[in-house]
Each structure stands twice: as structure tokens, then as C-alpha cells.
Protein backbone atom coordinates (compact mmCIF):
# COMPACT_ATOMS: atom_id res chain seq x y z
CA MET A 1 -32.12 14.94 -25.86
CA GLU A 2 -29.47 12.42 -26.95
CA ASN A 3 -26.66 15.01 -27.01
CA GLU A 4 -27.90 17.14 -24.14
CA SER A 5 -25.19 18.09 -21.66
CA LEU A 6 -25.22 17.81 -17.89
CA THR A 7 -23.01 20.13 -15.90
CA PHE A 8 -21.28 18.89 -12.78
CA GLY A 9 -23.03 21.63 -10.83
CA GLU A 10 -26.38 20.12 -11.83
CA ALA A 11 -25.27 16.60 -10.91
CA ALA A 12 -23.58 17.23 -7.56
CA MET A 13 -24.15 18.95 -4.23
CA LEU A 14 -21.31 20.17 -2.01
CA ILE A 15 -22.05 19.24 1.62
CA HIS A 16 -20.82 21.79 4.16
CA GLU A 17 -21.92 20.26 7.47
CA THR A 18 -19.27 21.45 9.91
CA VAL A 19 -18.48 19.94 13.30
CA GLN A 20 -15.97 20.39 16.10
CA PRO A 21 -14.01 17.17 16.71
CA LYS A 22 -14.40 17.48 20.48
CA ASP A 23 -18.17 17.26 20.01
CA VAL A 24 -18.18 13.97 18.08
CA GLY A 25 -15.77 11.84 20.12
CA SER A 26 -14.11 8.78 18.61
CA ILE A 27 -15.82 8.58 15.24
CA PRO A 28 -13.49 8.03 12.25
CA TYR A 29 -11.52 10.95 10.84
CA ILE A 30 -10.19 11.02 7.27
CA GLY A 31 -7.45 13.44 6.28
CA LEU A 32 -5.69 13.78 2.94
CA GLU A 33 -2.93 11.58 4.33
CA HIS A 34 -5.42 8.71 4.57
CA ILE A 35 -6.40 8.77 0.88
CA GLU A 36 -3.94 7.08 -1.41
CA GLU A 37 -2.75 9.05 -4.40
CA GLY A 38 -4.25 7.93 -7.69
CA SER A 39 -5.52 4.49 -6.64
CA LEU A 40 -9.03 5.40 -5.34
CA ARG A 41 -8.20 3.69 -2.07
CA LEU A 42 -8.47 4.58 1.60
CA ASN A 43 -5.24 3.48 3.30
CA GLY A 44 -6.30 4.18 6.89
CA PHE A 45 -8.12 6.65 9.10
CA GLY A 46 -7.78 8.37 12.45
CA LYS A 47 -10.12 9.37 15.25
CA ALA A 48 -11.93 12.68 15.51
CA LYS A 49 -10.89 13.02 19.15
CA ASP A 50 -7.23 13.21 18.07
CA VAL A 51 -7.60 16.24 15.76
CA THR A 52 -8.56 19.87 16.27
CA SER A 53 -10.33 22.70 14.42
CA THR A 54 -13.47 22.58 12.31
CA LYS A 55 -14.08 19.48 10.18
CA PHE A 56 -16.72 18.37 7.68
CA ARG A 57 -19.12 15.57 8.50
CA PHE A 58 -19.69 12.92 5.83
CA SER A 59 -21.96 9.90 5.49
CA ARG A 60 -21.28 6.47 4.11
CA GLY A 61 -21.42 6.58 0.30
CA ASP A 62 -20.46 10.25 0.01
CA VAL A 63 -17.71 11.07 -2.47
CA LEU A 64 -14.62 12.50 -0.75
CA PHE A 65 -12.42 14.52 -3.14
CA GLY A 66 -9.10 16.04 -2.08
CA LYS A 67 -9.29 19.63 -3.31
CA LEU A 68 -5.73 20.47 -2.21
CA ARG A 69 -3.42 19.65 -5.12
CA PRO A 70 -6.24 17.93 -7.00
CA TYR A 71 -3.78 16.45 -9.49
CA PHE A 72 -2.97 13.84 -6.82
CA ARG A 73 -6.38 12.31 -7.61
CA LYS A 74 -7.25 11.60 -4.00
CA VAL A 75 -10.82 10.40 -4.45
CA ILE A 76 -12.75 7.75 -2.54
CA ARG A 77 -16.31 6.77 -1.76
CA ALA A 78 -16.71 6.89 2.01
CA PRO A 79 -17.04 3.37 3.48
CA PHE A 80 -18.49 4.67 6.77
CA ASP A 81 -19.85 7.77 8.52
CA GLY A 82 -17.24 10.17 9.89
CA VAL A 83 -15.57 13.56 9.67
CA CYS A 84 -12.87 14.77 7.32
CA SER A 85 -10.41 17.57 6.68
CA THR A 86 -11.78 20.79 5.23
CA ASP A 87 -9.33 20.26 2.35
CA ILE A 88 -11.66 17.45 1.25
CA TRP A 89 -14.94 18.07 -0.56
CA VAL A 90 -17.92 16.03 0.63
CA VAL A 91 -20.12 15.50 -2.41
CA ARG A 92 -23.54 13.91 -2.95
CA ALA A 93 -25.51 13.35 -6.11
CA THR A 94 -28.60 15.37 -6.96
CA PRO A 95 -31.83 13.43 -7.65
CA ASN A 96 -31.07 13.17 -11.38
CA THR A 97 -27.69 11.51 -10.82
CA ASN A 98 -26.62 8.11 -9.50
CA GLN A 99 -24.15 8.38 -6.60
CA GLY A 100 -21.86 5.65 -7.94
CA TYR A 101 -21.82 7.28 -11.36
CA LEU A 102 -20.96 10.62 -9.75
CA TYR A 103 -18.05 8.98 -7.90
CA TYR A 104 -16.49 7.65 -11.07
CA TRP A 105 -17.15 10.95 -12.84
CA MET A 106 -15.10 12.72 -10.14
CA ALA A 107 -12.41 10.00 -10.29
CA SER A 108 -11.98 10.30 -14.06
CA LYS A 109 -8.77 11.85 -15.35
CA PRO A 110 -10.59 14.48 -17.47
CA PHE A 111 -12.44 15.72 -14.38
CA VAL A 112 -9.26 15.75 -12.25
CA ASP A 113 -7.41 17.59 -15.01
CA PHE A 114 -10.24 20.12 -15.31
CA ALA A 115 -10.23 20.67 -11.52
CA THR A 116 -6.45 21.14 -11.62
CA ARG A 117 -6.58 23.73 -14.39
CA GLY A 118 -8.99 25.84 -12.36
CA SER A 119 -7.07 25.60 -9.09
CA GLU A 120 -6.09 28.73 -7.17
CA GLY A 121 -2.79 29.17 -5.38
CA THR A 122 0.76 28.55 -6.54
CA ARG A 123 2.38 26.65 -3.69
CA MET A 124 -0.79 25.03 -2.32
CA PRO A 125 -3.26 24.96 -5.25
CA ARG A 126 -6.86 24.17 -4.36
CA ALA A 127 -9.66 23.19 -6.70
CA LYS A 128 -12.55 25.68 -6.91
CA TRP A 129 -16.13 24.45 -6.77
CA GLU A 130 -17.30 27.31 -8.98
CA HIS A 131 -14.92 26.12 -11.67
CA VAL A 132 -15.66 22.38 -11.56
CA SER A 133 -19.40 23.13 -11.51
CA ARG A 134 -19.05 24.16 -15.15
CA TYR A 135 -17.59 20.81 -16.22
CA GLU A 136 -19.92 19.06 -18.69
CA GLN A 137 -20.71 15.46 -19.55
CA THR A 138 -23.31 14.00 -21.87
CA ARG A 139 -26.57 13.63 -19.97
CA LEU A 140 -27.24 9.90 -19.56
CA PRO A 141 -30.41 8.06 -18.52
CA MET A 142 -30.41 6.83 -14.94
CA ASP A 143 -30.28 3.19 -16.10
CA ASP A 144 -27.08 3.92 -18.04
CA GLN A 145 -25.58 5.70 -15.05
CA ARG A 146 -26.31 2.71 -12.84
CA ALA A 147 -24.83 0.33 -15.42
CA ILE A 148 -21.61 2.37 -15.66
CA ALA A 149 -21.29 2.49 -11.87
CA HIS A 150 -21.86 -1.28 -11.70
CA ILE A 151 -19.31 -2.10 -14.40
CA LEU A 152 -16.58 0.01 -12.84
CA GLY A 153 -17.61 -1.02 -9.32
CA SER A 154 -17.25 -4.69 -10.26
CA LEU A 155 -13.61 -4.07 -11.09
CA ASP A 156 -13.04 -2.26 -7.79
CA ASP A 157 -14.82 -5.06 -5.93
CA LYS A 158 -12.42 -7.61 -7.45
CA ILE A 159 -9.45 -5.44 -6.52
CA GLU A 160 -10.73 -5.25 -2.95
CA LEU A 161 -11.29 -9.02 -2.86
CA ASN A 162 -7.66 -9.52 -3.92
CA ARG A 163 -6.55 -7.22 -1.09
CA GLN A 164 -8.53 -9.24 1.42
CA MET A 165 -7.11 -12.49 0.05
CA ASN A 166 -3.60 -11.11 0.38
CA ARG A 167 -4.19 -10.08 3.97
CA THR A 168 -5.28 -13.67 4.70
CA LEU A 169 -2.29 -15.18 2.87
CA GLU A 170 0.18 -12.93 4.68
CA ALA A 171 -1.47 -13.68 8.02
CA MET A 172 -1.00 -17.39 7.31
CA ALA A 173 2.71 -16.89 6.53
CA GLN A 174 3.12 -14.75 9.63
CA ALA A 175 1.41 -17.39 11.78
CA ILE A 176 3.79 -20.10 10.56
CA PHE A 177 6.79 -17.88 11.33
CA LYS A 178 5.51 -17.10 14.82
CA SER A 179 4.78 -20.76 15.58
CA TRP A 180 8.13 -22.07 14.37
CA PHE A 181 10.53 -19.24 15.21
CA VAL A 182 9.00 -17.16 18.01
CA ASP A 183 6.91 -19.57 20.11
CA PHE A 184 8.97 -22.63 19.02
CA ASP A 185 5.79 -24.73 19.04
CA PRO A 186 7.27 -27.78 17.21
CA VAL A 187 10.24 -27.94 19.62
CA ARG A 188 8.03 -27.45 22.64
CA ALA A 189 5.68 -30.22 21.51
CA LYS A 190 8.55 -32.67 21.01
CA ALA A 191 10.10 -31.73 24.37
CA GLU A 192 6.77 -32.47 26.07
CA GLY A 193 6.13 -35.65 24.11
CA ARG A 194 3.15 -34.17 22.23
CA ASP A 195 2.22 -34.34 18.59
CA SER A 196 3.32 -31.10 16.92
CA GLY A 197 0.58 -31.33 14.31
CA LEU A 198 3.17 -31.15 11.55
CA PRO A 199 3.88 -33.87 8.97
CA LYS A 200 6.49 -36.29 10.35
CA ASP A 201 9.15 -35.32 7.81
CA ILE A 202 8.90 -31.68 8.94
CA ALA A 203 8.56 -32.41 12.66
CA ASP A 204 11.72 -34.54 12.54
CA LEU A 205 13.73 -31.50 11.45
CA PHE A 206 13.19 -29.73 14.79
CA PRO A 207 15.22 -30.44 17.95
CA ASP A 208 13.46 -31.83 21.00
CA SER A 209 14.99 -29.61 23.68
CA PHE A 210 16.01 -26.05 24.49
CA GLU A 211 19.17 -24.31 25.62
CA ASP A 212 19.77 -20.99 27.30
CA SER A 213 21.08 -18.10 25.23
CA GLU A 214 21.57 -14.36 25.50
CA LEU A 215 18.20 -14.02 23.76
CA GLY A 216 16.53 -16.36 26.21
CA GLU A 217 15.34 -19.91 25.67
CA MET A 218 16.39 -21.19 22.24
CA PRO A 219 16.01 -24.55 20.42
CA GLN A 220 19.01 -26.81 20.98
CA GLY A 221 21.69 -26.41 18.33
CA TRP A 222 20.34 -23.27 16.71
CA LYS A 223 22.76 -20.33 16.46
CA ILE A 224 22.72 -16.62 17.23
CA LYS A 225 24.23 -14.12 14.81
CA PRO A 226 24.10 -10.38 14.27
CA ILE A 227 21.61 -9.71 11.49
CA GLY A 228 24.46 -8.03 9.61
CA GLU A 229 26.21 -11.41 9.40
CA ALA A 230 23.09 -13.40 8.56
CA VAL A 231 22.24 -11.12 5.58
CA ARG A 232 23.98 -8.33 3.67
CA CYS A 233 22.70 -4.94 4.85
CA VAL A 234 23.13 -2.02 2.47
CA GLY A 235 21.70 1.45 2.11
CA GLY A 236 21.05 3.83 -0.73
CA SER A 237 21.03 7.45 -1.81
CA THR A 238 19.25 9.79 -4.20
CA PRO A 239 21.00 10.82 -7.43
CA SER A 240 20.92 14.58 -7.94
CA THR A 241 17.48 15.60 -9.16
CA LYS A 242 19.16 18.58 -10.86
CA ASN A 243 20.93 16.26 -13.26
CA PRO A 244 18.46 15.09 -15.92
CA SER A 245 20.83 12.34 -17.07
CA PHE A 246 20.01 10.48 -13.85
CA TRP A 247 16.23 10.72 -14.28
CA ASN A 248 14.94 11.54 -17.75
CA GLY A 249 13.83 8.38 -19.50
CA GLY A 250 14.80 6.23 -16.53
CA THR A 251 13.54 2.66 -16.47
CA ASN A 252 15.09 1.38 -13.22
CA PRO A 253 12.67 1.30 -10.25
CA PHE A 254 13.77 3.64 -7.45
CA VAL A 255 12.26 2.88 -4.04
CA THR A 256 11.61 5.46 -1.33
CA PRO A 257 9.70 5.12 1.96
CA LYS A 258 6.79 6.86 0.21
CA ASP A 259 6.54 3.96 -2.25
CA MET A 260 6.47 1.54 0.67
CA SER A 261 3.86 3.53 2.59
CA SER A 262 1.25 2.90 -0.11
CA LEU A 263 1.78 -0.85 -0.41
CA THR A 264 -1.22 -3.05 0.32
CA SER A 265 0.94 -6.19 0.55
CA SER A 266 4.57 -6.95 1.31
CA ALA A 267 5.75 -7.01 -2.30
CA ILE A 268 7.17 -4.28 -4.52
CA LEU A 269 6.31 -4.68 -8.20
CA ASP A 270 7.13 -1.15 -9.35
CA THR A 271 7.78 2.36 -8.07
CA ALA A 272 6.56 5.90 -8.69
CA ARG A 273 9.92 7.09 -9.97
CA HIS A 274 12.58 5.48 -12.14
CA ILE A 275 16.21 6.32 -12.69
CA THR A 276 18.58 5.83 -15.59
CA ASP A 277 21.58 3.49 -15.62
CA ALA A 278 23.71 6.55 -14.92
CA GLY A 279 21.54 7.23 -11.86
CA VAL A 280 21.99 3.66 -10.65
CA ASP A 281 25.75 4.08 -10.94
CA LYS A 282 25.62 7.06 -8.56
CA ILE A 283 24.23 4.87 -5.74
CA SER A 284 26.84 2.87 -3.85
CA SER A 285 24.56 -0.16 -3.49
CA GLY A 286 23.67 0.04 -7.18
CA ARG A 287 20.88 -2.20 -8.40
CA LEU A 288 19.61 -4.63 -5.77
CA PRO A 289 18.45 -8.10 -6.82
CA ALA A 290 14.84 -9.22 -6.78
CA GLY A 291 14.10 -10.86 -3.45
CA ALA A 292 15.80 -8.26 -1.26
CA VAL A 293 13.95 -7.30 1.92
CA LEU A 294 13.51 -3.55 2.36
CA LEU A 295 13.00 -1.74 5.67
CA SER A 296 12.20 1.98 5.79
CA SER A 297 14.76 3.31 8.24
CA ARG A 298 13.20 6.74 8.83
CA ALA A 299 10.08 8.84 8.28
CA PRO A 300 8.89 6.43 9.64
CA ILE A 301 10.80 3.32 10.65
CA GLY A 302 8.93 0.13 9.87
CA TYR A 303 7.61 -0.19 6.32
CA LEU A 304 8.58 -3.64 5.00
CA ALA A 305 8.53 -5.36 1.64
CA ILE A 306 10.24 -7.89 -0.60
CA THR A 307 11.32 -6.67 -4.01
CA GLU A 308 9.91 -8.66 -6.92
CA VAL A 309 12.09 -6.83 -9.45
CA PRO A 310 15.63 -5.40 -9.28
CA VAL A 311 15.51 -1.95 -7.64
CA SER A 312 17.65 0.83 -6.30
CA VAL A 313 16.85 2.54 -2.99
CA ASN A 314 17.22 5.95 -1.43
CA GLN A 315 18.82 6.93 1.87
CA GLY A 316 15.65 6.21 3.85
CA ILE A 317 15.86 2.45 3.37
CA ILE A 318 17.95 -0.42 4.68
CA ALA A 319 18.05 -3.27 2.20
CA MET A 320 18.75 -6.84 3.31
CA ILE A 321 20.15 -9.07 0.57
CA CYS A 322 19.44 -12.62 1.69
CA ASP A 323 22.31 -14.64 0.22
CA LYS A 324 23.82 -15.83 3.51
CA SER A 325 22.23 -17.70 6.44
CA LEU A 326 18.60 -16.61 6.25
CA PRO A 327 16.03 -16.64 3.42
CA ASN A 328 14.04 -13.50 2.67
CA TYR A 329 10.69 -14.91 3.82
CA HIS A 330 12.23 -15.49 7.26
CA VAL A 331 13.93 -12.08 7.33
CA LEU A 332 10.71 -10.27 6.39
CA TYR A 333 8.76 -11.66 9.34
CA TRP A 334 11.74 -11.58 11.72
CA THR A 335 12.08 -7.85 11.05
CA GLU A 336 8.37 -7.34 11.66
CA ALA A 337 8.43 -9.37 14.88
CA ASN A 338 11.47 -7.45 16.18
CA MET A 339 10.36 -3.95 15.23
CA ASP A 340 10.31 -2.73 18.83
CA THR A 341 13.95 -3.77 19.24
CA ILE A 342 14.87 -2.12 15.94
CA LYS A 343 13.17 1.14 16.93
CA SER A 344 14.84 1.07 20.36
CA ASN A 345 18.21 1.15 18.57
CA ALA A 346 17.25 4.21 16.53
CA GLY A 347 18.73 7.64 17.00
CA GLY A 348 17.98 11.11 15.68
CA THR A 349 16.72 14.39 17.07
CA THR A 350 14.35 15.68 14.36
CA PHE A 351 12.95 12.21 13.60
CA ALA A 352 13.84 8.66 14.58
CA GLU A 353 16.23 6.84 12.25
CA ILE A 354 17.85 3.42 12.48
CA SER A 355 21.29 3.52 10.86
CA LYS A 356 22.93 0.51 9.26
CA ARG A 357 25.61 0.75 11.96
CA ASN A 358 22.98 0.35 14.69
CA PHE A 359 20.92 -2.18 12.75
CA ARG A 360 23.62 -4.69 11.82
CA PRO A 361 24.50 -5.77 15.40
CA ILE A 362 20.90 -6.70 16.32
CA GLN A 363 20.92 -10.40 17.06
CA VAL A 364 18.81 -13.02 15.33
CA ILE A 365 18.34 -16.73 16.04
CA VAL A 366 19.42 -18.76 13.01
CA PRO A 367 17.61 -22.13 12.81
CA HIS A 368 19.00 -25.27 11.24
CA GLU A 369 19.29 -25.03 7.46
CA HIS A 370 16.81 -27.88 6.87
CA VAL A 371 14.20 -26.14 9.03
CA LEU A 372 14.61 -22.96 7.00
CA GLU A 373 14.27 -24.92 3.76
CA ALA A 374 11.04 -26.47 5.03
CA TYR A 375 9.78 -23.05 6.07
CA VAL A 376 10.44 -21.62 2.61
CA LYS A 377 8.50 -24.51 1.03
CA GLN A 378 5.54 -23.64 3.26
CA VAL A 379 5.60 -19.88 2.79
CA GLU A 380 6.84 -19.35 -0.76
CA PRO A 381 3.56 -20.48 -2.42
CA LEU A 382 1.64 -18.06 -0.19
CA HIS A 383 3.87 -15.16 -1.17
CA GLN A 384 3.74 -16.09 -4.86
CA GLN A 385 -0.06 -16.01 -4.74
CA VAL A 386 0.13 -12.57 -3.10
CA VAL A 387 2.24 -11.38 -6.03
CA LEU A 388 -0.18 -12.87 -8.58
CA ASN A 389 -3.09 -11.13 -6.85
CA LEU A 390 -1.21 -7.82 -6.88
CA GLN A 391 -0.42 -8.19 -10.57
CA GLU A 392 -4.05 -8.93 -11.33
CA SER A 393 -5.21 -5.94 -9.28
CA ASN A 394 -2.81 -3.64 -11.11
CA THR A 395 -4.16 -4.90 -14.42
CA LEU A 396 -7.75 -4.42 -13.27
CA ALA A 397 -7.05 -0.89 -12.01
CA SER A 398 -5.45 0.04 -15.32
CA PHE A 399 -8.41 -1.48 -17.17
CA ARG A 400 -10.84 0.48 -14.97
CA ASP A 401 -9.01 3.75 -15.61
CA THR A 402 -9.06 3.04 -19.36
CA LEU A 403 -12.79 2.22 -19.40
CA LEU A 404 -13.80 5.10 -17.14
CA PRO A 405 -13.49 8.10 -19.50
CA LYS A 406 -14.68 6.08 -22.50
CA LEU A 407 -17.87 5.09 -20.71
CA LEU A 408 -18.53 8.58 -19.41
CA SER A 409 -18.02 10.15 -22.83
CA GLY A 410 -20.05 7.55 -24.71
CA GLU A 411 -17.04 6.45 -26.76
CA LEU A 412 -17.64 2.92 -25.42
CA CYS A 413 -21.21 1.65 -25.33
CA ILE A 414 -22.44 -0.23 -22.29
CA PRO A 415 -23.06 -3.63 -24.01
CA ASP A 416 -19.47 -3.63 -25.28
CA ALA A 417 -18.23 -2.71 -21.80
CA TRP A 418 -20.13 -5.68 -20.33
CA LYS A 419 -18.39 -7.99 -22.79
CA LEU A 420 -15.00 -6.56 -21.89
CA LEU A 421 -15.78 -6.92 -18.19
CA GLU A 422 -16.71 -10.59 -18.64
CA SER A 423 -13.36 -11.18 -20.33
CA VAL A 424 -11.33 -10.00 -17.32
CA ILE A 425 -13.44 -11.09 -14.32
């Protein structure tokens, strides 16, 4: 019994409950575009009323596995009831299998690789249920299955907690920016003779009156500049992918809008692709310094992040190097707050794109230098904690993906896994 095998077909049921979106209204819809590649994370969802054609219904807790190009490892456990694309398998455990265990089984690299090897189709390969049903694992007692699911789930829970913490930290930084530089609360309070709620040394840095400007009411003495004069705006390009000397063995992070689309926080620690030094030399902007603010300028306009490491960028990004009037923490939230204006200056027929030529003239209010210094002191610790949380989450995800196949195969026993878990959480 100890070495008895369990096939995937014995452990899992494929759910084929079809629905028409028009019949289910505004319930959540999950397409492949909503499942992040490789990270076991849902990065958004739509509404059933906004899509057409037959969909599959799923329930909370079901495993959703992207069968189209399965090597992308688009696997999640549904956090709610809804409907999904028919290119996603809806899977539930049979009575002899724990649902959480089944989820991690399907998320394991050996399973994904097995599904990929049995895919049909050259340009659009799809995993075949008949093939994956033959995949075998050692049959484990239910208690062991639950323990494995709990160990791996504890790591995912900590990753999710870090994401929630980062959302809170970034909301705090955004609120300070809005109060100081959009609503001008400290200036307004002083002008009306009220307490601003800020420490006296910070409140004293703000003027106590307003003046008219081409951007409307503005704190007395603050300046207006084109963003292209307040920061250095540069673009990028993509070295020829036909030249292996630009790519093979590359170690320099290369940012594209796709990298930015999958960010959970406004910090870039690494990228999917890397280029060589020769590749960097083919890009006019070269290697950008850590601390640059990146804006995706097309497909779509609006992804934002600060680089935590030196990077190069492709042609779909405007990079703002903040070595002039404005610090990067200000520029990040200014860009976010003025996104409607940025998009209104975009051109393009196939898709909207904001060029550097159209971006640079957009005007920005430049506060007094001492106010900006005080702002950085308030916001920098928040951003640094965001980065630390991201680094920890990356470590935990890597640890989870290392433990996963070892636990499933029996290479790592459960008591040893508990000890390892205690060492990292």
C-alpha cells in the first residue's frame, strides 16, 4: 500500500457545467488574461455580462487550470463563484483526494510539464484531459494530503498578507501626496487659520496663501514646469531578437509593459527577460539607474513603477529619471493622479500611445524644495517596506515551488517540511 500509485484521473473530476453569460448577469468572469503566469495568482476578473459565447461555471475552491499553452502555468484556486473561459479547466477532487492537495498537485512543475508534453496543436497547444489523467503520484493518506496542502497554503497565505500590507502602505503614500500636492490641505489650513494636523516643523514649510496659475489655484511661491524639465524623460527599444549576442546569457533586466502588468506593487525587482551588455549598448537610453519611474506608454498606457535595480526598457515605456526638480516618490504619484491628462495627449490609430514628445510638455506644479524633502522623509520608509515585503514574497514563492514537488513525491517528509516552514514564517 505504501508505494501504491494514484492517477490524476482517479483524483480529479473535470467539471463541464456550461452557461450562457447573458443568463447569469454580473457574476465574476475569469479569462486566461486574469490568471498571472507562473505565480498562482489571480490578477483581476471581469463580468459575465461583458463577454459572449458559452462559458464554464465554477464554484469557490475549484481549481482553475489554463489548458491553452499549459506551460504558462496559469493555475489558481477560485476565490469566489463565477464563470470562466472554456480554455480553462474547472477541476474538483474526488472523495479520496483533498481539494487543496489537488490544487498544488496541478500547480507543480512536473504536472505542468506532463500536461505540456501531451498538448495538441502547434500554434495554440492545448492540454488534453485524457493525457493528464494518466499522470501518477504516490497515493497518500488523507491526513498527509491535508498536511501538504496546509504547509504550502501557509506560504501562500503569507504572500497574500504581504500583498495586502503593500496595498495599505501604498494607499498611505498616495493619501499623503493627495493631501499635500493635490488638495493642498496644509496650505488651506494655514490660510484659514486652522491647525493642519502636521508637526510644526513640517507645517512651517508650507505657504499660507494661494496664487492663480494656468493650472488653477496653486500655493504661493510654488512653480510650474513641463514634466520634461522637472525630470529627464527617455524611451527605449528592443535589441534584435535574431541576434543571440544581445540575449543569450544576459543578466541585465529588460522591462516591457508585460512585466509591469503583472506587478502587485509599484516596484520592479526583476524582469522576465534579460539582455547582455551588448544588448544594453543597442538601446539609446542604455542602462537606467535604480529609482527611475517607469510609465507604460502603450498597450496600455498607465502601468507605473519605480525601478529598484538598474534596468533597460523597450519602446513601450517612458522612463523618468528623477535627478532634477522632483523626487521619484512625487513623480510616481503625480503621474498616477494626472493619468487622464496623459491619456488625453496620446495619439495613435491602432492603439493609444503617449509619445515622449507629447508627454514632456505636460505641466506639473513644483513645490518648494524643503516641502519635497519632507515628503520624501514621510514616504520613503513606506516604499522601502513595500520592497522588503516584495522580496520576502519572492523568497516564499521560490521556497513553495521548491517544496511542492518534493512533498508530492515523498522526497521530503512532512515533519521535516514543518520544521522548514517554521524557519521561514
